[in-house]
Amino acid sequence: MTKKTPEDIMREAEALIEQTRQSLAATSDAYRDHGLDPQKLSDGLDEKHRAEAEALFRQDMEAIEREVAEESARLSFANAAPRTGGSRKMRNMI
């Protein structure tokens, strides 16, 4: 298992976002092909469902941001140079 860099995670997230946009566009086209109006379908969502969907989306985005921050912290600690101070010379005490 290879560790992903924050850049890798962001590239994957951007690719998923683009894939989602393409899927949504394809869905709208499929609705039109069947004689349905995508705008009317999305307007049909009541406020409760819309608010729930937005809340779930925000939770997902927060989880992604938290995961990226945690991975970034892990990588910064893993790549930190080890301290090689060695042992200190003892001083004579008077």
N, C-alpha and C. Protein backbone atom coordinates (compact mmCIF):
# COMPACT_ATOMS: atom_id res chain seq x y z
N MET A 1 0.84 -1.19 0.00
CA MET A 1 0.00 0.00 0.00
C MET A 1 0.88 1.24 0.00
N THR A 2 0.68 2.11 -0.98
CA THR A 2 1.48 3.33 -1.05
C THR A 2 0.73 4.46 -0.38
N LYS A 3 1.51 5.34 0.20
CA LYS A 3 0.89 6.50 0.86
C LYS A 3 0.60 7.55 -0.19
N LYS A 4 -0.55 8.15 -0.06
CA LYS A 4 -0.95 9.19 -1.00
C LYS A 4 -0.54 10.54 -0.45
N THR A 5 -0.05 11.36 -1.33
CA THR A 5 0.28 12.73 -0.95
C THR A 5 -1.00 13.56 -0.99
N PRO A 6 -1.01 14.69 -0.33
CA PRO A 6 -2.19 15.55 -0.41
C PRO A 6 -2.52 15.92 -1.86
N GLU A 7 -1.48 16.07 -2.68
CA GLU A 7 -1.71 16.40 -4.09
C GLU A 7 -2.43 15.25 -4.80
N ASP A 8 -2.03 14.00 -4.48
CA ASP A 8 -2.71 12.84 -5.06
C ASP A 8 -4.18 12.81 -4.67
N ILE A 9 -4.45 13.08 -3.41
CA ILE A 9 -5.82 13.07 -2.91
C ILE A 9 -6.64 14.16 -3.60
N MET A 10 -6.05 15.35 -3.76
CA MET A 10 -6.77 16.44 -4.42
C MET A 10 -7.03 16.11 -5.89
N ARG A 11 -6.05 15.50 -6.58
CA ARG A 11 -6.26 15.11 -7.98
C ARG A 11 -7.41 14.11 -8.09
N GLU A 12 -7.43 13.13 -7.19
CA GLU A 12 -8.51 12.14 -7.20
C GLU A 12 -9.85 12.80 -6.93
N ALA A 13 -9.88 13.73 -5.98
CA ALA A 13 -11.14 14.43 -5.66
C ALA A 13 -11.62 15.24 -6.85
N GLU A 14 -10.69 15.93 -7.52
CA GLU A 14 -11.07 16.72 -8.69
C GLU A 14 -11.58 15.82 -9.82
N ALA A 15 -10.95 14.66 -9.99
CA ALA A 15 -11.40 13.72 -11.02
C ALA A 15 -12.81 13.22 -10.69
N LEU A 16 -13.08 12.94 -9.41
CA LEU A 16 -14.42 12.50 -9.02
C LEU A 16 -15.46 13.59 -9.23
N ILE A 17 -15.07 14.83 -8.94
CA ILE A 17 -16.00 15.95 -9.15
C ILE A 17 -16.33 16.07 -10.64
N GLU A 18 -15.30 15.98 -11.49
CA GLU A 18 -15.53 16.06 -12.93
C GLU A 18 -16.40 14.90 -13.42
N GLN A 19 -16.14 13.71 -12.90
CA GLN A 19 -16.94 12.54 -13.27
C GLN A 19 -18.40 12.74 -12.86
N THR A 20 -18.61 13.32 -11.68
CA THR A 20 -19.96 13.59 -11.21
C THR A 20 -20.66 14.60 -12.10
N ARG A 21 -19.92 15.66 -12.50
CA ARG A 21 -20.51 16.66 -13.39
C ARG A 21 -20.92 16.02 -14.72
N GLN A 22 -20.06 15.17 -15.25
CA GLN A 22 -20.39 14.51 -16.51
C GLN A 22 -21.60 13.59 -16.34
N SER A 23 -21.68 12.91 -15.22
CA SER A 23 -22.83 12.03 -14.96
C SER A 23 -24.11 12.83 -14.85
N LEU A 24 -24.04 13.99 -14.19
CA LEU A 24 -25.23 14.83 -14.08
C LEU A 24 -25.67 15.34 -15.44
N ALA A 25 -24.71 15.71 -16.28
CA ALA A 25 -25.05 16.17 -17.62
C ALA A 25 -25.68 15.04 -18.41
N ALA A 26 -25.14 13.83 -18.28
CA ALA A 26 -25.70 12.67 -18.99
C ALA A 26 -27.10 12.36 -18.49
N THR A 27 -27.32 12.54 -17.20
CA THR A 27 -28.64 12.30 -16.63
C THR A 27 -29.66 13.28 -17.20
N SER A 28 -29.25 14.55 -17.29
CA SER A 28 -30.15 15.55 -17.87
C SER A 28 -30.48 15.21 -19.31
N ASP A 29 -29.48 14.75 -20.05
CA ASP A 29 -29.72 14.36 -21.45
C ASP A 29 -30.68 13.17 -21.52
N ALA A 30 -30.52 12.22 -20.62
CA ALA A 30 -31.41 11.05 -20.60
C ALA A 30 -32.85 11.47 -20.29
N TYR A 31 -33.01 12.41 -19.37
CA TYR A 31 -34.36 12.91 -19.07
C TYR A 31 -34.98 13.53 -20.32
N ARG A 32 -34.19 14.37 -20.99
CA ARG A 32 -34.71 15.04 -22.20
C ARG A 32 -35.06 14.01 -23.27
N ASP A 33 -34.22 12.97 -23.40
CA ASP A 33 -34.50 11.93 -24.41
C ASP A 33 -35.84 11.25 -24.17
N HIS A 34 -36.27 11.22 -22.90
CA HIS A 34 -37.54 10.59 -22.55
C HIS A 34 -38.67 11.60 -22.41
N GLY A 35 -38.40 12.85 -22.84
CA GLY A 35 -39.44 13.86 -22.83
C GLY A 35 -39.69 14.50 -21.48
N LEU A 36 -38.73 14.38 -20.55
CA LEU A 36 -38.89 14.99 -19.23
C LEU A 36 -38.06 16.26 -19.13
N ASP A 37 -38.52 17.20 -18.34
CA ASP A 37 -37.80 18.45 -18.14
C ASP A 37 -36.99 18.35 -16.84
N PRO A 38 -35.64 18.31 -16.94
CA PRO A 38 -34.80 18.16 -15.74
C PRO A 38 -35.03 19.29 -14.72
N GLN A 39 -35.32 20.50 -15.21
CA GLN A 39 -35.54 21.63 -14.29
C GLN A 39 -36.78 21.40 -13.44
N LYS A 40 -37.84 20.89 -14.06
CA LYS A 40 -39.07 20.62 -13.30
C LYS A 40 -38.84 19.52 -12.27
N LEU A 41 -38.04 18.54 -12.64
CA LEU A 41 -37.76 17.46 -11.69
C LEU A 41 -36.99 17.97 -10.48
N SER A 42 -35.99 18.82 -10.72
CA SER A 42 -35.20 19.33 -9.59
C SER A 42 -36.02 20.32 -8.76
N ASP A 43 -36.94 21.07 -9.42
CA ASP A 43 -37.80 21.99 -8.68
C ASP A 43 -38.80 21.24 -7.82
N GLY A 44 -39.06 19.99 -8.17
CA GLY A 44 -40.02 19.18 -7.43
C GLY A 44 -39.52 18.77 -6.05
N LEU A 45 -38.22 18.90 -5.80
CA LEU A 45 -37.72 18.56 -4.47
C LEU A 45 -38.27 19.55 -3.45
N ASP A 46 -38.77 19.04 -2.37
CA ASP A 46 -39.25 19.97 -1.34
C ASP A 46 -38.05 20.46 -0.53
N GLU A 47 -38.27 21.48 0.24
CA GLU A 47 -37.18 22.12 1.00
C GLU A 47 -36.52 21.16 1.99
N LYS A 48 -37.30 20.27 2.56
CA LYS A 48 -36.73 19.32 3.54
C LYS A 48 -35.68 18.44 2.88
N HIS A 49 -36.00 17.88 1.72
CA HIS A 49 -35.06 17.02 1.02
C HIS A 49 -33.85 17.80 0.51
N ARG A 50 -34.10 19.00 0.04
CA ARG A 50 -33.01 19.84 -0.46
C ARG A 50 -32.05 20.18 0.68
N ALA A 51 -32.59 20.57 1.83
CA ALA A 51 -31.76 20.92 2.99
C ALA A 51 -30.97 19.70 3.46
N GLU A 52 -31.62 18.53 3.45
CA GLU A 52 -30.95 17.31 3.87
C GLU A 52 -29.79 16.98 2.92
N ALA A 53 -30.03 17.13 1.63
CA ALA A 53 -28.98 16.85 0.64
C ALA A 53 -27.81 17.82 0.80
N GLU A 54 -28.11 19.09 1.03
CA GLU A 54 -27.05 20.08 1.22
C GLU A 54 -26.26 19.80 2.49
N ALA A 55 -26.94 19.39 3.56
CA ALA A 55 -26.25 19.07 4.81
C ALA A 55 -25.33 17.87 4.63
N LEU A 56 -25.81 16.85 3.93
CA LEU A 56 -24.97 15.67 3.67
C LEU A 56 -23.77 16.04 2.81
N PHE A 57 -23.97 16.90 1.84
CA PHE A 57 -22.87 17.34 1.00
C PHE A 57 -21.82 18.08 1.83
N ARG A 58 -22.27 18.99 2.69
CA ARG A 58 -21.33 19.73 3.56
C ARG A 58 -20.56 18.78 4.47
N GLN A 59 -21.24 17.79 5.03
CA GLN A 59 -20.56 16.82 5.89
C GLN A 59 -19.48 16.06 5.12
N ASP A 60 -19.80 15.67 3.90
CA ASP A 60 -18.81 14.97 3.07
C ASP A 60 -17.61 15.86 2.79
N MET A 61 -17.85 17.11 2.45
CA MET A 61 -16.74 18.02 2.15
C MET A 61 -15.88 18.27 3.39
N GLU A 62 -16.50 18.40 4.56
CA GLU A 62 -15.74 18.59 5.79
C GLU A 62 -14.90 17.35 6.10
N ALA A 63 -15.46 16.16 5.87
CA ALA A 63 -14.72 14.93 6.10
C ALA A 63 -13.52 14.83 5.16
N ILE A 64 -13.70 15.23 3.92
CA ILE A 64 -12.60 15.22 2.96
C ILE A 64 -11.51 16.19 3.39
N GLU A 65 -11.89 17.40 3.77
CA GLU A 65 -10.90 18.39 4.20
C GLU A 65 -10.16 17.91 5.44
N ARG A 66 -10.87 17.28 6.37
CA ARG A 66 -10.25 16.77 7.59
C ARG A 66 -9.26 15.65 7.26
N GLU A 67 -9.66 14.77 6.35
CA GLU A 67 -8.79 13.66 5.95
C GLU A 67 -7.52 14.17 5.27
N VAL A 68 -7.66 15.18 4.42
CA VAL A 68 -6.49 15.75 3.74
C VAL A 68 -5.56 16.39 4.77
N ALA A 69 -6.12 17.12 5.74
CA ALA A 69 -5.30 17.75 6.77
C ALA A 69 -4.57 16.71 7.62
N GLU A 70 -5.27 15.63 7.98
CA GLU A 70 -4.65 14.58 8.79
C GLU A 70 -3.52 13.89 8.02
N GLU A 71 -3.76 13.61 6.74
CA GLU A 71 -2.72 12.96 5.92
C GLU A 71 -1.53 13.88 5.74
N SER A 72 -1.79 15.15 5.58
CA SER A 72 -0.71 16.13 5.45
C SER A 72 0.13 16.18 6.72
N ALA A 73 -0.54 16.14 7.87
CA ALA A 73 0.19 16.14 9.15
C ALA A 73 1.02 14.86 9.28
N ARG A 74 0.43 13.72 8.93
CA ARG A 74 1.17 12.45 8.99
C ARG A 74 2.42 12.50 8.12
N LEU A 75 2.26 13.02 6.91
CA LEU A 75 3.39 13.10 5.99
C LEU A 75 4.47 14.05 6.50
N SER A 76 4.06 15.16 7.11
CA SER A 76 5.06 16.11 7.61
C SER A 76 5.86 15.50 8.76
N PHE A 77 5.20 14.69 9.61
CA PHE A 77 5.93 14.03 10.68
C PHE A 77 6.81 12.90 10.13
N ALA A 78 6.32 12.18 9.15
CA ALA A 78 7.08 11.08 8.58
C ALA A 78 8.32 11.57 7.84
N ASN A 79 8.22 12.75 7.23
CA ASN A 79 9.33 13.29 6.46
C ASN A 79 10.25 14.18 7.28
N ALA A 80 9.91 14.41 8.54
CA ALA A 80 10.74 15.26 9.38
C ALA A 80 12.09 14.57 9.63
N ALA A 81 13.14 15.38 9.63
CA ALA A 81 14.48 14.83 9.87
C ALA A 81 14.59 14.37 11.33
N PRO A 82 15.13 13.18 11.53
CA PRO A 82 15.29 12.71 12.91
C PRO A 82 16.32 13.56 13.64
N ARG A 83 16.11 13.73 14.92
CA ARG A 83 17.04 14.52 15.73
C ARG A 83 18.24 13.65 16.06
N THR A 84 19.41 14.14 15.70
CA THR A 84 20.63 13.36 15.93
C THR A 84 21.58 14.14 16.83
N GLY A 85 21.07 14.68 17.88
CA GLY A 85 21.89 15.48 18.78
C GLY A 85 22.90 14.63 19.55
N GLY A 86 22.68 13.36 19.68
CA GLY A 86 23.59 12.52 20.44
C GLY A 86 23.50 12.82 21.92
N SER A 87 24.44 12.29 22.67
CA SER A 87 24.41 12.53 24.11
C SER A 87 25.20 13.80 24.42
N ARG A 88 24.80 14.45 25.48
CA ARG A 88 25.46 15.69 25.89
C ARG A 88 26.66 15.38 26.77
N LYS A 89 27.65 16.18 26.67
CA LYS A 89 28.85 16.04 27.49
C LYS A 89 28.51 16.46 28.91
N MET A 90 28.92 15.64 29.87
CA MET A 90 28.63 15.95 31.27
C MET A 90 29.54 17.08 31.74
N ARG A 91 28.99 17.97 32.55
CA ARG A 91 29.78 19.07 33.12
C ARG A 91 30.20 18.70 34.52
N ASN A 92 31.33 19.21 34.87
CA ASN A 92 31.79 19.02 36.24
C ASN A 92 31.04 19.97 37.15
N MET A 93 30.52 19.45 38.22
CA MET A 93 29.76 20.29 39.16
C MET A 93 30.65 20.63 40.35
N ILE A 94 30.65 21.86 40.77
CA ILE A 94 31.45 22.25 41.93
C ILE A 94 30.56 22.49 43.12
